[in-house]
Protein backbone atom coordinates (compact mmCIF):
# COMPACT_ATOMS: atom_id res chain seq x y z
CA UNK A 1 -2.18 13.61 -10.03
CA UNK A 2 -3.43 14.74 -6.63
CA UNK A 3 -2.05 13.42 -3.38
CA UNK A 4 -4.49 11.17 -1.51
CA UNK A 5 -5.92 12.78 1.62
CA UNK A 6 -7.33 9.67 3.25
CA UNK A 7 -10.66 8.34 4.49
CA UNK A 8 -12.20 9.78 7.64
CA UNK A 9 -14.88 8.40 9.96
CA UNK A 10 -16.74 10.97 12.10
CA UNK A 11 -18.69 9.65 15.11
CA UNK A 12 -21.23 11.75 17.04
CA UNK A 13 -24.75 11.11 18.31
CA UNK A 14 -26.02 14.53 17.20
CA UNK A 15 -26.91 14.63 13.47
CA UNK A 16 -26.41 18.40 13.32
CA UNK A 17 -22.88 18.08 14.73
CA UNK A 18 -22.12 15.30 12.23
CA UNK A 19 -23.16 17.56 9.35
CA UNK A 20 -21.17 20.51 10.71
CA UNK A 21 -18.05 18.38 11.17
CA UNK A 22 -18.47 16.82 7.74
CA UNK A 23 -18.71 20.27 6.14
CA UNK A 24 -15.76 21.64 8.14
CA UNK A 25 -13.52 18.68 7.33
CA UNK A 26 -14.57 18.19 3.71
CA UNK A 27 -11.32 19.62 2.31
CA UNK A 28 -9.17 17.53 4.66
CA UNK A 29 -10.21 14.04 3.46
CA UNK A 30 -10.96 12.26 0.20
CA UNK A 31 -14.11 10.83 1.76
CA UNK A 32 -15.95 11.17 5.05
CA UNK A 33 -18.30 8.59 6.54
CA UNK A 34 -20.43 9.22 9.62
CA UNK A 35 -21.77 7.09 12.46
CA UNK A 36 -24.13 8.07 15.29
CA UNK A 37 -22.51 5.91 17.98
CA UNK A 38 -19.52 3.70 18.68
CA UNK A 39 -21.33 0.47 17.75
CA UNK A 40 -22.20 1.75 14.29
CA UNK A 41 -18.65 3.07 13.92
CA UNK A 42 -17.18 -0.35 14.74
CA UNK A 43 -19.44 -1.96 12.11
CA UNK A 44 -18.22 0.56 9.53
CA UNK A 45 -14.61 -0.17 10.51
CA UNK A 46 -15.14 -3.83 9.56
CA UNK A 47 -16.76 -2.88 6.23
CA UNK A 48 -14.39 -0.09 5.13
CA UNK A 49 -10.84 1.06 5.71
CA UNK A 50 -10.32 4.41 7.39
CA UNK A 51 -7.16 6.43 7.90
CA UNK A 52 -8.45 8.40 10.90
CA UNK A 53 -11.46 8.74 13.19
CA UNK A 54 -12.92 11.80 14.90
CA UNK A 55 -15.27 10.78 17.70
CA UNK A 56 -17.40 12.39 20.37
CA UNK A 57 -16.80 10.91 23.80
CA UNK A 58 -20.32 11.05 25.26
CA UNK A 59 -22.82 9.03 23.20
CA UNK A 60 -25.64 6.59 23.97
CA UNK A 61 -25.26 2.83 23.37
CA UNK A 62 -21.45 2.99 23.13
CA UNK A 63 -19.30 5.93 24.22
CA UNK A 64 -16.14 7.06 22.52
CA UNK A 65 -14.15 5.51 25.40
CA UNK A 66 -15.92 2.16 24.97
CA UNK A 67 -15.34 2.33 21.20
CA UNK A 68 -11.61 2.96 21.75
CA UNK A 69 -11.40 0.03 24.18
CA UNK A 70 -13.13 -2.26 21.69
CA UNK A 71 -10.84 -1.05 18.88
CA UNK A 72 -7.78 -1.92 20.96
CA UNK A 73 -9.24 -5.31 21.87
CA UNK A 74 -9.84 -6.06 18.17
CA UNK A 75 -6.41 -4.62 17.29
CA UNK A 76 -7.89 -1.97 15.01
CA UNK A 77 -5.01 0.47 14.56
CA UNK A 78 -6.67 3.64 13.31
CA UNK A 79 -5.61 6.97 14.85
CA UNK A 80 -8.48 8.61 16.78
CA UNK A 81 -9.13 12.22 17.75
CA UNK A 82 -11.64 12.57 20.61
CA UNK A 83 -14.07 15.50 20.90
CA UNK A 84 -16.10 16.40 23.96
CA UNK A 85 -18.42 19.19 25.03
CA UNK A 86 -17.17 19.23 28.60
CA UNK A 87 -13.80 19.26 30.26
CA UNK A 88 -13.36 15.92 31.98
CA UNK A 89 -9.74 15.13 32.81
CA UNK A 90 -10.61 11.55 33.80
CA UNK A 91 -12.16 10.72 30.43
CA UNK A 92 -9.38 12.58 28.65
CA UNK A 93 -6.77 10.38 30.35
CA UNK A 94 -8.80 7.22 29.64
CA UNK A 95 -9.02 8.14 25.95
CA UNK A 96 -5.31 8.84 25.72
CA UNK A 97 -4.42 5.61 27.54
CA UNK A 98 -6.56 3.72 25.05
CA UNK A 99 -4.61 5.23 22.17
CA UNK A 100 -6.40 8.44 21.19
CA UNK A 101 -3.99 10.72 19.33
CA UNK A 102 -5.54 13.99 20.49
CA UNK A 103 -8.40 15.37 22.56
CA UNK A 104 -10.31 18.56 21.65
CA UNK A 105 -13.02 20.33 23.64
CA UNK A 106 -16.19 21.69 22.03
CA UNK A 107 -16.55 24.39 20.94
CA UNK A 108 -13.32 23.82 19.07
CA UNK A 109 -11.36 26.20 16.91
CA UNK A 110 -12.11 25.18 13.29
CA UNK A 111 -8.53 25.81 12.14
CA UNK A 112 -7.10 23.72 14.99
CA UNK A 113 -9.58 20.91 14.30
CA UNK A 114 -8.66 20.87 10.60
CA UNK A 115 -4.94 20.85 11.40
CA UNK A 116 -5.26 18.03 13.94
CA UNK A 117 -7.42 15.97 11.57
CA UNK A 118 -5.05 16.56 8.62
CA UNK A 119 -2.07 15.42 10.71
CA UNK A 120 -4.01 12.42 12.03
CA UNK A 121 -5.04 11.39 8.50
CA UNK A 122 -1.40 11.68 7.38
CA UNK A 123 -0.33 9.48 10.30
CA UNK A 124 -3.01 6.89 9.52
CA UNK A 125 -2.03 6.74 5.86
CA UNK A 126 1.64 6.35 6.82
CA UNK A 127 0.71 3.40 9.08
CA UNK A 128 -1.28 1.79 6.28
CA UNK A 129 1.43 2.33 3.66
CA UNK A 130 4.10 0.86 5.92
CA UNK A 131 1.97 -2.21 6.62
CA UNK A 132 1.15 -2.64 2.92
CA UNK A 133 4.81 -2.47 1.91
CA UNK A 134 5.81 -4.99 4.57
CA UNK A 135 2.98 -7.32 3.51
CA UNK A 136 4.04 -7.05 -0.13
CA UNK A 137 7.64 -7.91 0.71
CA UNK A 138 6.51 -10.76 2.96
CA UNK A 139 4.33 -12.29 0.22
CA UNK A 140 7.35 -12.61 -2.07
CA UNK A 141 7.95 -16.37 -2.17
CA UNK A 142 11.63 -15.84 -2.93
CA UNK A 143 12.40 -14.71 0.61
CA UNK A 144 14.35 -16.99 2.86
CA UNK A 145 12.79 -18.06 6.18
CA UNK A 146 15.25 -15.72 7.93
CA UNK A 147 14.11 -12.76 5.83
CA UNK A 148 10.47 -13.63 6.46
CA UNK A 149 11.18 -13.71 10.21
CA UNK A 150 12.88 -10.31 9.99
CA UNK A 151 9.78 -8.88 8.29
CA UNK A 152 7.57 -10.32 11.05
CA UNK A 153 9.91 -8.71 13.58
CA UNK A 154 9.71 -5.35 11.78
CA UNK A 155 5.90 -5.52 11.73
CA UNK A 156 5.88 -6.32 15.44
CA UNK A 157 8.28 -3.43 16.09
CA UNK A 158 6.06 -1.15 14.01
CA UNK A 159 3.06 -1.97 16.23
CA UNK A 160 5.21 -1.42 19.32
CA UNK A 161 6.43 1.93 17.93
CA UNK A 162 2.85 3.06 17.29
CA UNK A 163 1.87 2.22 20.85
CA UNK A 164 5.01 3.94 22.17
CA UNK A 165 4.20 7.05 20.14
CA UNK A 166 0.73 7.08 21.65
CA UNK A 167 2.20 6.81 25.15
CA UNK A 168 4.62 9.64 24.30
CA UNK A 169 1.75 11.81 23.11
CA UNK A 170 -0.04 11.26 26.41
CA UNK A 171 2.71 12.83 28.50
């Protein structure tokens, strides 16, 4: 039995870049979906579950920064790697403050991109597995109210830990 690699969403307004990224990252994920802007990506996030997202920052209709802000507002906890074709420290800091896991400049080193995406997919799957296990335990009707409260506390702490990890990655 093979180990699951996770589901990846790649967001870029240039179809050629989407195809290149999809081909480069094909071995890193079980499946790869694409979206040509942040709005389409958000729609796909409501329809499917993803373990990680790779997104361009500069796109029409909805930028990568706007997409990240909307994800945080909707409490969509999927790790995001941001790509950009220009060095812009201001946007880099905005992306990291909004929870991006990493930030890579185009042209990027293919090996580094694959490594970052693989690690981000692993992180996303770990988040999902932890949440699923806590939900399964919580659904057990045999738990006392105290135990149910402890599980709610753990889930809350888990969200806090994720946000703290993101802050730690920003420094």
